[in-house]
């Protein structure tokens, strides 16, 4: 029997910068870039959720939960981020998985 449940993927990301970047600024920059790339309708369909307890400010890495159809859009929006808090940064995806445990291990 078919269901309406959307399939999800977990994407781990890494922010490369010279200084520490806090979680709030990183989240805001990724949200803004993703919204500019896919629009507000795309954001609502993608169901982007930041896994709050996964962000590590020392390594500047975290995990995002997203609909599997929008993983490539998320990775493309990472490339559009040049600065966070007026600091030059590079945001890149590390891994993508259907299970969050595979990203942590």
PDB file of N, CA and C in Angstrom:
ATOM      1  N   UNK A   1       0.843  -1.177   0.000  1.00  0.00           N
ATOM      2  CA  UNK A   1       0.000   0.000   0.000  1.00  0.00           C
ATOM      3  C   UNK A   1       0.895   1.249   0.000  1.00  0.00           C
ATOM      4  N   UNK A   2       0.672   2.178  -0.905  1.00  0.00           N
ATOM      5  CA  UNK A   2       1.519   3.378  -0.984  1.00  0.00           C
ATOM      6  C   UNK A   2       1.285   4.331   0.184  1.00  0.00           C
ATOM      7  N   UNK A   3       2.342   5.041   0.524  1.00  0.00           N
ATOM      8  CA  UNK A   3       2.248   6.032   1.596  1.00  0.00           C
ATOM      9  C   UNK A   3       2.675   7.395   1.067  1.00  0.00           C
ATOM     10  N   UNK A   4       2.353   8.438   1.813  1.00  0.00           N
ATOM     11  CA  UNK A   4       2.720   9.799   1.432  1.00  0.00           C
ATOM     12  C   UNK A   4       3.968  10.285   2.157  1.00  0.00           C
ATOM     13  N   UNK A   5       4.608   9.401   2.904  1.00  0.00           N
ATOM     14  CA  UNK A   5       5.793   9.798   3.651  1.00  0.00           C
ATOM     15  C   UNK A   5       6.941  10.076   2.689  1.00  0.00           C
ATOM     16  N   UNK A   6       7.599  11.209   2.886  1.00  0.00           N
ATOM     17  CA  UNK A   6       8.735  11.581   2.048  1.00  0.00           C
ATOM     18  C   UNK A   6      10.005  10.885   2.529  1.00  0.00           C
ATOM     19  N   UNK A   7      10.825  10.458   1.585  1.00  0.00           N
ATOM     20  CA  UNK A   7      12.119   9.882   1.941  1.00  0.00           C
ATOM     21  C   UNK A   7      13.072  11.002   2.313  1.00  0.00           C
ATOM     22  N   UNK A   8      13.917  10.750   3.282  1.00  0.00           N
ATOM     23  CA  UNK A   8      14.824  11.779   3.769  1.00  0.00           C
ATOM     24  C   UNK A   8      16.262  11.325   3.588  1.00  0.00           C
ATOM     25  N   UNK A   9      17.153  12.300   3.580  1.00  0.00           N
ATOM     26  CA  UNK A   9      18.585  12.040   3.558  1.00  0.00           C
ATOM     27  C   UNK A   9      19.237  12.954   4.577  1.00  0.00           C
ATOM     28  N   UNK A  10      20.313  12.476   5.129  1.00  0.00           N
ATOM     29  CA  UNK A  10      21.118  13.282   6.045  1.00  0.00           C
ATOM     30  C   UNK A  10      22.397  13.668   5.312  1.00  0.00           C
ATOM     31  N   UNK A  11      22.694  14.964   5.286  1.00  0.00           N
ATOM     32  CA  UNK A  11      23.880  15.471   4.599  1.00  0.00           C
ATOM     33  C   UNK A  11      24.790  16.106   5.639  1.00  0.00           C
ATOM     34  N   UNK A  12      26.028  15.622   5.728  1.00  0.00           N
ATOM     35  CA  UNK A  12      26.986  16.253   6.633  1.00  0.00           C
ATOM     36  C   UNK A  12      27.757  17.306   5.842  1.00  0.00           C
ATOM     37  N   UNK A  13      28.014  18.440   6.490  1.00  0.00           N
ATOM     38  CA  UNK A  13      28.702  19.541   5.824  1.00  0.00           C
ATOM     39  C   UNK A  13      29.849  20.033   6.690  1.00  0.00           C
ATOM     40  N   UNK A  14      30.756  20.748   6.045  1.00  0.00           N
ATOM     41  CA  UNK A  14      31.941  21.277   6.708  1.00  0.00           C
ATOM     42  C   UNK A  14      32.152  22.709   6.232  1.00  0.00           C
ATOM     43  N   UNK A  15      32.467  23.610   7.161  1.00  0.00           N
ATOM     44  CA  UNK A  15      32.730  25.008   6.837  1.00  0.00           C
ATOM     45  C   UNK A  15      34.223  25.260   7.040  1.00  0.00           C
ATOM     46  N   UNK A  16      34.906  25.649   5.981  1.00  0.00           N
ATOM     47  CA  UNK A  16      36.328  25.953   6.055  1.00  0.00           C
ATOM     48  C   UNK A  16      36.496  27.463   6.170  1.00  0.00           C
ATOM     49  N   UNK A  17      37.127  27.908   7.263  1.00  0.00           N
ATOM     50  CA  UNK A  17      37.371  29.336   7.467  1.00  0.00           C
ATOM     51  C   UNK A  17      38.578  29.509   8.373  1.00  0.00           C
ATOM     52  N   UNK A  18      39.057  30.736   8.451  1.00  0.00           N
ATOM     53  CA  UNK A  18      40.223  31.016   9.284  1.00  0.00           C
ATOM     54  C   UNK A  18      39.857  31.162  10.756  1.00  0.00           C
ATOM     55  N   UNK A  19      38.628  31.589  11.032  1.00  0.00           N
ATOM     56  CA  UNK A  19      38.185  31.787  12.409  1.00  0.00           C
ATOM     57  C   UNK A  19      36.998  30.882  12.701  1.00  0.00           C
ATOM     58  N   UNK A  20      36.649  30.773  13.983  1.00  0.00           N
ATOM     59  CA  UNK A  20      35.481  29.977  14.367  1.00  0.00           C
ATOM     60  C   UNK A  20      34.203  30.680  13.927  1.00  0.00           C
ATOM     61  N   UNK A  21      33.272  29.902  13.428  1.00  0.00           N
ATOM     62  CA  UNK A  21      31.967  30.409  13.003  1.00  0.00           C
ATOM     63  C   UNK A  21      30.928  29.757  13.901  1.00  0.00           C
ATOM     64  N   UNK A  22      30.036  30.571  14.466  1.00  0.00           N
ATOM     65  CA  UNK A  22      29.034  30.015  15.369  1.00  0.00           C
ATOM     66  C   UNK A  22      27.900  29.352  14.582  1.00  0.00           C
ATOM     67  N   UNK A  23      27.132  28.533  15.285  1.00  0.00           N
ATOM     68  CA  UNK A  23      26.067  27.730  14.680  1.00  0.00           C
ATOM     69  C   UNK A  23      24.981  28.605  14.076  1.00  0.00           C
ATOM     70  N   UNK A  24      24.592  29.654  14.784  1.00  0.00           N
ATOM     71  CA  UNK A  24      23.496  30.509  14.324  1.00  0.00           C
ATOM     72  C   UNK A  24      23.832  31.167  12.987  1.00  0.00           C
ATOM     73  N   UNK A  25      25.038  31.669  12.852  1.00  0.00           N
ATOM     74  CA  UNK A  25      25.452  32.327  11.611  1.00  0.00           C
ATOM     75  C   UNK A  25      25.537  31.334  10.459  1.00  0.00           C
ATOM     76  N   UNK A  26      26.045  30.150  10.735  1.00  0.00           N
ATOM     77  CA  UNK A  26      26.149  29.117   9.705  1.00  0.00           C
ATOM     78  C   UNK A  26      24.768  28.690   9.230  1.00  0.00           C
ATOM     79  N   UNK A  27      23.873  28.464  10.167  1.00  0.00           N
ATOM     80  CA  UNK A  27      22.507  28.058   9.835  1.00  0.00           C
ATOM     81  C   UNK A  27      21.804  29.131   9.010  1.00  0.00           C
ATOM     82  N   UNK A  28      21.966  30.382   9.402  1.00  0.00           N
ATOM     83  CA  UNK A  28      21.337  31.493   8.689  1.00  0.00           C
ATOM     84  C   UNK A  28      21.880  31.616   7.265  1.00  0.00           C
ATOM     85  N   UNK A  29      23.186  31.458   7.091  1.00  0.00           N
ATOM     86  CA  UNK A  29      23.795  31.563   5.764  1.00  0.00           C
ATOM     87  C   UNK A  29      23.331  30.433   4.844  1.00  0.00           C
ATOM     88  N   UNK A  30      23.251  29.218   5.371  1.00  0.00           N
ATOM     89  CA  UNK A  30      22.802  28.084   4.558  1.00  0.00           C
ATOM     90  C   UNK A  30      21.329  28.245   4.197  1.00  0.00           C
ATOM     91  N   UNK A  31      20.509  28.665   5.152  1.00  0.00           N
ATOM     92  CA  UNK A  31      19.084  28.893   4.876  1.00  0.00           C
ATOM     93  C   UNK A  31      18.886  29.960   3.811  1.00  0.00           C
ATOM     94  N   UNK A  32      19.614  31.066   3.916  1.00  0.00           N
ATOM     95  CA  UNK A  32      19.485  32.155   2.950  1.00  0.00           C
ATOM     96  C   UNK A  32      19.914  31.705   1.560  1.00  0.00           C
ATOM     97  N   UNK A  33      21.027  31.017   1.474  1.00  0.00           N
ATOM     98  CA  UNK A  33      21.529  30.547   0.191  1.00  0.00           C
ATOM     99  C   UNK A  33      20.572  29.537  -0.445  1.00  0.00           C
ATOM    100  N   UNK A  34      20.053  28.616   0.358  1.00  0.00           N
ATOM    101  CA  UNK A  34      19.127  27.607  -0.157  1.00  0.00           C
ATOM    102  C   UNK A  34      17.819  28.249  -0.613  1.00  0.00           C
ATOM    103  N   UNK A  35      17.333  29.239   0.141  1.00  0.00           N
ATOM    104  CA  UNK A  35      16.102  29.938  -0.235  1.00  0.00           C
ATOM    105  C   UNK A  35      16.298  30.717  -1.530  1.00  0.00           C
ATOM    106  N   UNK A  36      17.431  31.371  -1.681  1.00  0.00           N
ATOM    107  CA  UNK A  36      17.705  32.106  -2.917  1.00  0.00           C
ATOM    108  C   UNK A  36      17.824  31.164  -4.112  1.00  0.00           C
ATOM    109  N   UNK A  37      18.299  29.958  -3.888  1.00  0.00           N
ATOM    110  CA  UNK A  37      18.510  29.008  -4.980  1.00  0.00           C
ATOM    111  C   UNK A  37      17.214  28.328  -5.420  1.00  0.00           C
ATOM    112  N   UNK A  38      16.410  27.846  -4.479  1.00  0.00           N
ATOM    113  CA  UNK A  38      15.208  27.080  -4.851  1.00  0.00           C
ATOM    114  C   UNK A  38      13.906  27.834  -4.614  1.00  0.00           C
ATOM    115  N   UNK A  39      13.936  28.958  -3.910  1.00  0.00           N
ATOM    116  CA  UNK A  39      12.720  29.716  -3.634  1.00  0.00           C
ATOM    117  C   UNK A  39      11.991  29.193  -2.411  1.00  0.00           C
ATOM    118  N   UNK A  40      10.982  29.923  -1.993  1.00  0.00           N
ATOM    119  CA  UNK A  40      10.263  29.552  -0.774  1.00  0.00           C
ATOM    120  C   UNK A  40       9.436  28.282  -0.960  1.00  0.00           C
ATOM    121  N   UNK A  41       8.893  28.086  -2.147  1.00  0.00           N
ATOM    122  CA  UNK A  41       8.139  26.856  -2.399  1.00  0.00           C
ATOM    123  C   UNK A  41       9.069  25.642  -2.360  1.00  0.00           C
ATOM    124  N   UNK A  42      10.252  25.785  -2.926  1.00  0.00           N
ATOM    125  CA  UNK A  42      11.235  24.705  -2.892  1.00  0.00           C
ATOM    126  C   UNK A  42      11.697  24.383  -1.488  1.00  0.00           C
ATOM    127  N   UNK A  43      11.835  25.421  -0.654  1.00  0.00           N
ATOM    128  CA  UNK A  43      12.241  25.198   0.738  1.00  0.00           C
ATOM    129  C   UNK A  43      11.175  24.405   1.476  1.00  0.00           C
ATOM    130  N   UNK A  44       9.915  24.737   1.228  1.00  0.00           N
ATOM    131  CA  UNK A  44       8.846  24.013   1.924  1.00  0.00           C
ATOM    132  C   UNK A  44       8.750  22.565   1.436  1.00  0.00           C
ATOM    133  N   UNK A  45       8.987  22.325   0.163  1.00  0.00           N
ATOM    134  CA  UNK A  45       8.963  20.954  -0.354  1.00  0.00           C
ATOM    135  C   UNK A  45      10.178  20.156   0.117  1.00  0.00           C
ATOM    136  N   UNK A  46      11.314  20.830   0.269  1.00  0.00           N
ATOM    137  CA  UNK A  46      12.546  20.144   0.676  1.00  0.00           C
ATOM    138  C   UNK A  46      12.505  19.743   2.139  1.00  0.00           C
ATOM    139  N   UNK A  47      11.816  20.509   2.973  1.00  0.00           N
ATOM    140  CA  UNK A  47      11.723  20.179   4.396  1.00  0.00           C
ATOM    141  C   UNK A  47      13.072  20.169   5.081  1.00  0.00           C
ATOM    142  N   UNK A  48      13.863  21.196   4.846  1.00  0.00           N
ATOM    143  CA  UNK A  48      15.218  21.252   5.395  1.00  0.00           C
ATOM    144  C   UNK A  48      15.167  21.444   6.912  1.00  0.00           C
ATOM    145  N   UNK A  49      15.891  20.575   7.627  1.00  0.00           N
ATOM    146  CA  UNK A  49      15.943  20.629   9.092  1.00  0.00           C
ATOM    147  C   UNK A  49      17.401  20.474   9.517  1.00  0.00           C
ATOM    148  N   UNK A  50      17.861  21.381  10.358  1.00  0.00           N
ATOM    149  CA  UNK A  50      19.213  21.287  10.899  1.00  0.00           C
ATOM    150  C   UNK A  50      19.173  20.433  12.160  1.00  0.00           C
ATOM    151  N   UNK A  51      20.025  19.429  12.224  1.00  0.00           N
ATOM    152  CA  UNK A  51      20.120  18.594  13.418  1.00  0.00           C
ATOM    153  C   UNK A  51      20.955  19.392  14.420  1.00  0.00           C
ATOM    154  N   UNK A  52      20.275  19.991  15.418  1.00  0.00           N
ATOM    155  CA  UNK A  52      20.889  20.994  16.288  1.00  0.00           C
ATOM    156  C   UNK A  52      22.070  20.470  17.093  1.00  0.00           C
ATOM    157  N   UNK A  53      21.957  19.294  17.651  1.00  0.00           N
ATOM    158  CA  UNK A  53      23.036  18.807  18.517  1.00  0.00           C
ATOM    159  C   UNK A  53      24.202  18.202  17.735  1.00  0.00           C
ATOM    160  N   UNK A  54      24.176  18.276  16.406  1.00  0.00           N
ATOM    161  CA  UNK A  54      25.256  17.689  15.608  1.00  0.00           C
ATOM    162  C   UNK A  54      26.336  18.699  15.242  1.00  0.00           C
ATOM    163  N   UNK A  55      26.078  20.008  15.397  1.00  0.00           N
ATOM    164  CA  UNK A  55      27.061  21.009  14.973  1.00  0.00           C
ATOM    165  C   UNK A  55      28.198  21.099  15.979  1.00  0.00           C
ATOM    166  N   UNK A  56      29.422  21.034  15.470  1.00  0.00           N
ATOM    167  CA  UNK A  56      30.616  21.144  16.294  1.00  0.00           C
ATOM    168  C   UNK A  56      31.345  22.424  15.892  1.00  0.00           C
ATOM    169  N   UNK A  57      31.373  23.454  16.770  1.00  0.00           N
ATOM    170  CA  UNK A  57      31.999  24.724  16.382  1.00  0.00           C
ATOM    171  C   UNK A  57      33.510  24.636  16.189  1.00  0.00           C
ATOM    172  N   UNK A  58      34.159  23.669  16.805  1.00  0.00           N
ATOM    173  CA  UNK A  58      35.613  23.550  16.636  1.00  0.00           C
ATOM    174  C   UNK A  58      35.965  22.999  15.256  1.00  0.00           C
ATOM    175  N   UNK A  59      35.266  21.953  14.842  1.00  0.00           N
ATOM    176  CA  UNK A  59      35.515  21.397  13.510  1.00  0.00           C
ATOM    177  C   UNK A  59      34.650  22.063  12.450  1.00  0.00           C
ATOM    178  N   UNK A  60      33.681  22.859  12.891  1.00  0.00           N
ATOM    179  CA  UNK A  60      32.764  23.588  12.013  1.00  0.00           C
ATOM    180  C   UNK A  60      32.026  22.643  11.064  1.00  0.00           C
ATOM    181  N   UNK A  61      31.526  21.552  11.601  1.00  0.00           N
ATOM    182  CA  UNK A  61      30.786  20.589  10.794  1.00  0.00           C
ATOM    183  C   UNK A  61      29.445  20.299  11.450  1.00  0.00           C
ATOM    184  N   UNK A  62      28.486  19.890  10.634  1.00  0.00           N
ATOM    185  CA  UNK A  62      27.154  19.603  11.144  1.00  0.00           C
ATOM    186  C   UNK A  62      26.399  18.703  10.185  1.00  0.00           C
ATOM    187  N   UNK A  63      25.116  18.468  10.511  1.00  0.00           N
ATOM    188  CA  UNK A  63      24.277  17.569   9.725  1.00  0.00           C
ATOM    189  C   UNK A  63      22.950  18.262   9.427  1.00  0.00           C
ATOM    190  N   UNK A  64      22.480  18.088   8.193  1.00  0.00           N
ATOM    191  CA  UNK A  64      21.196  18.629   7.752  1.00  0.00           C
ATOM    192  C   UNK A  64      20.332  17.468   7.275  1.00  0.00           C
ATOM    193  N   UNK A  65      19.058  17.480   7.665  1.00  0.00           N
ATOM    194  CA  UNK A  65      18.087  16.487   7.199  1.00  0.00           C
ATOM    195  C   UNK A  65      17.255  17.140   6.095  1.00  0.00           C
ATOM    196  N   UNK A  66      17.110  16.454   4.960  1.00  0.00           N
ATOM    197  CA  UNK A  66      16.427  17.041   3.807  1.00  0.00           C
ATOM    198  C   UNK A  66      15.757  15.944   2.981  1.00  0.00           C
ATOM    199  N   UNK A  67      14.762  16.317   2.199  1.00  0.00           N
ATOM    200  CA  UNK A  67      14.088  15.411   1.278  1.00  0.00           C
ATOM    201  C   UNK A  67      15.099  14.918   0.243  1.00  0.00           C
ATOM    202  N   UNK A  68      15.025  13.648  -0.123  1.00  0.00           N
ATOM    203  CA  UNK A  68      16.041  13.073  -1.009  1.00  0.00           C
ATOM    204  C   UNK A  68      16.048  13.694  -2.402  1.00  0.00           C
ATOM    205  N   UNK A  69      14.966  14.319  -2.825  1.00  0.00           N
ATOM    206  CA  UNK A  69      14.915  14.942  -4.147  1.00  0.00           C
ATOM    207  C   UNK A  69      15.645  16.280  -4.188  1.00  0.00           C
ATOM    208  N   UNK A  70      15.979  16.832  -3.029  1.00  0.00           N
ATOM    209  CA  UNK A  70      16.599  18.158  -2.970  1.00  0.00           C
ATOM    210  C   UNK A  70      18.042  18.125  -2.465  1.00  0.00           C
ATOM    211  N   UNK A  71      18.647  16.960  -2.414  1.00  0.00           N
ATOM    212  CA  UNK A  71      20.030  16.856  -1.937  1.00  0.00           C
ATOM    213  C   UNK A  71      20.975  17.598  -2.882  1.00  0.00           C
ATOM    214  N   UNK A  72      20.793  17.422  -4.188  1.00  0.00           N
ATOM    215  CA  UNK A  72      21.662  18.099  -5.152  1.00  0.00           C
ATOM    216  C   UNK A  72      21.483  19.613  -5.104  1.00  0.00           C
ATOM    217  N   UNK A  73      20.264  20.075  -4.857  1.00  0.00           N
ATOM    218  CA  UNK A  73      20.016  21.517  -4.727  1.00  0.00           C
ATOM    219  C   UNK A  73      20.733  22.073  -3.497  1.00  0.00           C
ATOM    220  N   UNK A  74      20.730  21.303  -2.421  1.00  0.00           N
ATOM    221  CA  UNK A  74      21.419  21.741  -1.207  1.00  0.00           C
ATOM    222  C   UNK A  74      22.923  21.838  -1.447  1.00  0.00           C
ATOM    223  N   UNK A  75      23.484  20.843  -2.108  1.00  0.00           N
ATOM    224  CA  UNK A  75      24.921  20.866  -2.399  1.00  0.00           C
ATOM    225  C   UNK A  75      25.281  22.034  -3.311  1.00  0.00           C
ATOM    226  N   UNK A  76      24.413  22.347  -4.261  1.00  0.00           N
ATOM    227  CA  UNK A  76      24.662  23.490  -5.145  1.00  0.00           C
ATOM    228  C   UNK A  76      24.586  24.805  -4.379  1.00  0.00           C
ATOM    229  N   UNK A  77      23.669  24.889  -3.418  1.00  0.00           N
ATOM    230  CA  UNK A  77      23.556  26.128  -2.640  1.00  0.00           C
ATOM    231  C   UNK A  77      24.753  26.311  -1.709  1.00  0.00           C
ATOM    232  N   UNK A  78      25.416  25.215  -1.323  1.00  0.00           N
ATOM    233  CA  UNK A  78      26.655  25.330  -0.539  1.00  0.00           C
ATOM    234  C   UNK A  78      27.714  26.097  -1.336  1.00  0.00           C
ATOM    235  N   UNK A  79      27.775  25.851  -2.641  1.00  0.00           N
ATOM    236  CA  UNK A  79      28.783  26.498  -3.482  1.00  0.00           C
ATOM    237  C   UNK A  79      28.539  27.998  -3.620  1.00  0.00           C
ATOM    238  N   UNK A  80      27.318  28.437  -3.379  1.00  0.00           N
ATOM    239  CA  UNK A  80      26.984  29.858  -3.516  1.00  0.00           C
ATOM    240  C   UNK A  80      27.343  30.677  -2.287  1.00  0.00           C
ATOM    241  N   UNK A  81      27.723  30.026  -1.199  1.00  0.00           N
ATOM    242  CA  UNK A  81      28.067  30.745   0.036  1.00  0.00           C
ATOM    243  C   UNK A  81      29.538  31.145  -0.027  1.00  0.00           C
ATOM    244  N   UNK A  82      29.792  32.456   0.011  1.00  0.00           N
ATOM    245  CA  UNK A  82      31.166  32.968  -0.026  1.00  0.00           C
ATOM    246  C   UNK A  82      31.617  33.508   1.316  1.00  0.00           C
ATOM    247  N   UNK A  83      30.686  34.127   2.049  1.00  0.00           N
ATOM    248  CA  UNK A  83      31.050  34.772   3.309  1.00  0.00           C
ATOM    249  C   UNK A  83      30.004  34.492   4.375  1.00  0.00           C
ATOM    250  N   UNK A  84      30.475  34.330   5.599  1.00  0.00           N
ATOM    251  CA  UNK A  84      29.619  34.254   6.780  1.00  0.00           C
ATOM    252  C   UNK A  84      30.214  35.230   7.786  1.00  0.00           C
ATOM    253  N   UNK A  85      29.407  36.168   8.241  1.00  0.00           N
ATOM    254  CA  UNK A  85      29.880  37.222   9.162  1.00  0.00           C
ATOM    255  C   UNK A  85      31.087  37.975   8.593  1.00  0.00           C
ATOM    256  N   UNK A  86      31.035  38.273   7.306  1.00  0.00           N
ATOM    257  CA  UNK A  86      32.098  39.012   6.604  1.00  0.00           C
ATOM    258  C   UNK A  86      33.435  38.275   6.589  1.00  0.00           C
ATOM    259  N   UNK A  87      33.424  36.990   6.891  1.00  0.00           N
ATOM    260  CA  UNK A  87      34.621  36.146   6.835  1.00  0.00           C
ATOM    261  C   UNK A  87      34.516  35.259   5.590  1.00  0.00           C
ATOM    262  N   UNK A  88      35.568  35.189   4.769  1.00  0.00           N
ATOM    263  CA  UNK A  88      35.510  34.291   3.611  1.00  0.00           C
ATOM    264  C   UNK A  88      35.477  32.825   4.059  1.00  0.00           C
ATOM    265  N   UNK A  89      34.544  32.070   3.500  1.00  0.00           N
ATOM    266  CA  UNK A  89      34.370  30.668   3.890  1.00  0.00           C
ATOM    267  C   UNK A  89      34.160  29.798   2.654  1.00  0.00           C
ATOM    268  N   UNK A  90      34.346  28.502   2.850  1.00  0.00           N
ATOM    269  CA  UNK A  90      34.002  27.489   1.855  1.00  0.00           C
ATOM    270  C   UNK A  90      33.145  26.455   2.569  1.00  0.00           C
ATOM    271  N   UNK A  91      31.936  26.231   2.065  1.00  0.00           N
ATOM    272  CA  UNK A  91      31.033  25.233   2.641  1.00  0.00           C
ATOM    273  C   UNK A  91      30.974  24.061   1.673  1.00  0.00           C
ATOM    274  N   UNK A  92      31.246  22.867   2.172  1.00  0.00           N
ATOM    275  CA  UNK A  92      31.215  21.692   1.310  1.00  0.00           C
ATOM    276  C   UNK A  92      30.514  20.540   2.014  1.00  0.00           C
ATOM    277  N   UNK A  93      29.916  19.669   1.217  1.00  0.00           N
ATOM    278  CA  UNK A  93      29.262  18.491   1.778  1.00  0.00           C
ATOM    279  C   UNK A  93      30.291  17.378   1.898  1.00  0.00           C
ATOM    280  N   UNK A  94      30.182  16.625   2.982  1.00  0.00           N
ATOM    281  CA  UNK A  94      31.118  15.532   3.218  1.00  0.00           C
ATOM    282  C   UNK A  94      30.523  14.190   2.824  1.00  0.00           C
ATOM    283  N   UNK A  95      29.355  13.874   3.375  1.00  0.00           N
ATOM    284  CA  UNK A  95      28.699  12.593   3.124  1.00  0.00           C
ATOM    285  C   UNK A  95      27.196  12.802   3.041  1.00  0.00           C
ATOM    286  N   UNK A  96      26.538  11.844   2.409  1.00  0.00           N
ATOM    287  CA  UNK A  96      25.082  11.827   2.349  1.00  0.00           C
ATOM    288  C   UNK A  96      24.632  10.400   2.635  1.00  0.00           C
ATOM    289  N   UNK A  97      23.645  10.261   3.539  1.00  0.00           N
ATOM    290  CA  UNK A  97      23.201   8.927   3.916  1.00  0.00           C
ATOM    291  C   UNK A  97      21.730   8.965   4.311  1.00  0.00           C
ATOM    292  N   UNK A  98      21.094   7.818   4.264  1.00  0.00           N
ATOM    293  CA  UNK A  98      19.718   7.698   4.708  1.00  0.00           C
ATOM    294  C   UNK A  98      19.605   7.456   6.199  1.00  0.00           C
ATOM    295  N   UNK A  99      20.745   7.148   6.841  1.00  0.00           N
ATOM    296  CA  UNK A  99      20.768   6.906   8.285  1.00  0.00           C
ATOM    297  C   UNK A  99      21.773   7.846   8.929  1.00  0.00           C
ATOM    298  N   UNK A 100      21.358   8.505   9.999  1.00  0.00           N
ATOM    299  CA  UNK A 100      22.228   9.478  10.662  1.00  0.00           C
ATOM    300  C   UNK A 100      23.417   8.798  11.333  1.00  0.00           C
ATOM    301  N   UNK A 101      23.264   7.551  11.739  1.00  0.00           N
ATOM    302  CA  UNK A 101      24.358   6.835  12.403  1.00  0.00           C
ATOM    303  C   UNK A 101      25.548   6.602  11.472  1.00  0.00           C
ATOM    304  N   UNK A 102      25.301   6.457  10.182  1.00  0.00           N
ATOM    305  CA  UNK A 102      26.392   6.237   9.234  1.00  0.00           C
ATOM    306  C   UNK A 102      27.241   7.488   9.050  1.00  0.00           C
ATOM    307  N   UNK A 103      26.670   8.667   9.294  1.00  0.00           N
ATOM    308  CA  UNK A 103      27.431   9.907   9.170  1.00  0.00           C
ATOM    309  C   UNK A 103      28.327  10.133  10.377  1.00  0.00           C
ATOM    310  N   UNK A 104      27.880   9.725  11.543  1.00  0.00           N
ATOM    311  CA  UNK A 104      28.652   9.946  12.764  1.00  0.00           C
ATOM    312  C   UNK A 104      29.801   8.965  12.900  1.00  0.00           C
ATOM    313  N   UNK A 105      29.659   7.797  12.353  1.00  0.00           N
ATOM    314  CA  UNK A 105      30.640   6.742  12.534  1.00  0.00           C
ATOM    315  C   UNK A 105      31.825   6.804  11.652  1.00  0.00           C
TER     316      UNK A 105
END
